[in-house]
Amino acid sequence: MHIAIRPDRAAGAGWWMVVPIKDTLRGKSRLRIDPWARSRLARAMAVDTAAAVLGAERVDGLVVVAESERDVADLGREIAELSWEPLGDHRPVVLLVLDDSRELNTAITAGVRTALSHGARWVAVVPADLPSAASDEVDRVLSQAEASELTVLADRHGTGTAVLASTTPERLHPRFGVDSFRRHREAGAVPAVLPPDAGLHRDVDELDDLSDVTGLRTRAVLEHLRRLRTG
């Protein structure tokens, strides 16, 4: 299954971003809320992450890799509904692909292959749980990444990976999982630098991580869930 949201635009040959997302009905299990609410929240965070990526001037393409056909369709519809006006003439290609391997690094590799097949020169991976990310932060990391073969940005805890960027993506071997920041550094990745409070650091694993979230769609879902609880 494959959806192209902007097939009318010629594929760019600069940075392409890969955003993998676990099946939203089983992902983010540490968020102690019911599966329906968790699914809506995971999808909103992914769309906020995509919005930040699409607003970055250095990004020519986005590949979202989902585990289920349901998420491919839902995310495709919601990303297509994003406002494109602020982007002006800069409108990246957006592709959504299905990978049901249920293995994160395998899904990322599938996304990288898709980006390369559409002419990507460089590829960066961003997890789908960064709803506070800002487009200028994405640009700053990609600017730093252009000086190295492999670049990594740590998450808020300093142990996970918020961005993995490669200027030789045909040789990229992602090592996401436990202690991924350390493992990417051991593989030769140069650390990118952003302010400690940058939204691109602020991944979401637990409910407390949502206390300072800035993503519009994530905030809207949280407010909707609060209204449901209070009646």
Foldseek 3Di string as FASTA:
>chain_A
DKDKLCPVDQQDAFEEEEEEDEQQQPPLVQAPDHSVLSSLLLLLLLLLVVVQQQQAQRHQEYEYEYQDPVSLVVSSVVNSPDDCVVNPPRGHIYMYYYDNPSDVQVSVLVRLVVSVVSNYQKYKYAYSFLNQAHNVVVNQQVVVQVVDQWAFEAALVRQFTGMIIGSPSVPDRQDGDGSRVVVSVVVPHHYGDDPSPHSSRQGDNYPVSCPPGDRPSSVVSVVVVVVVVVD
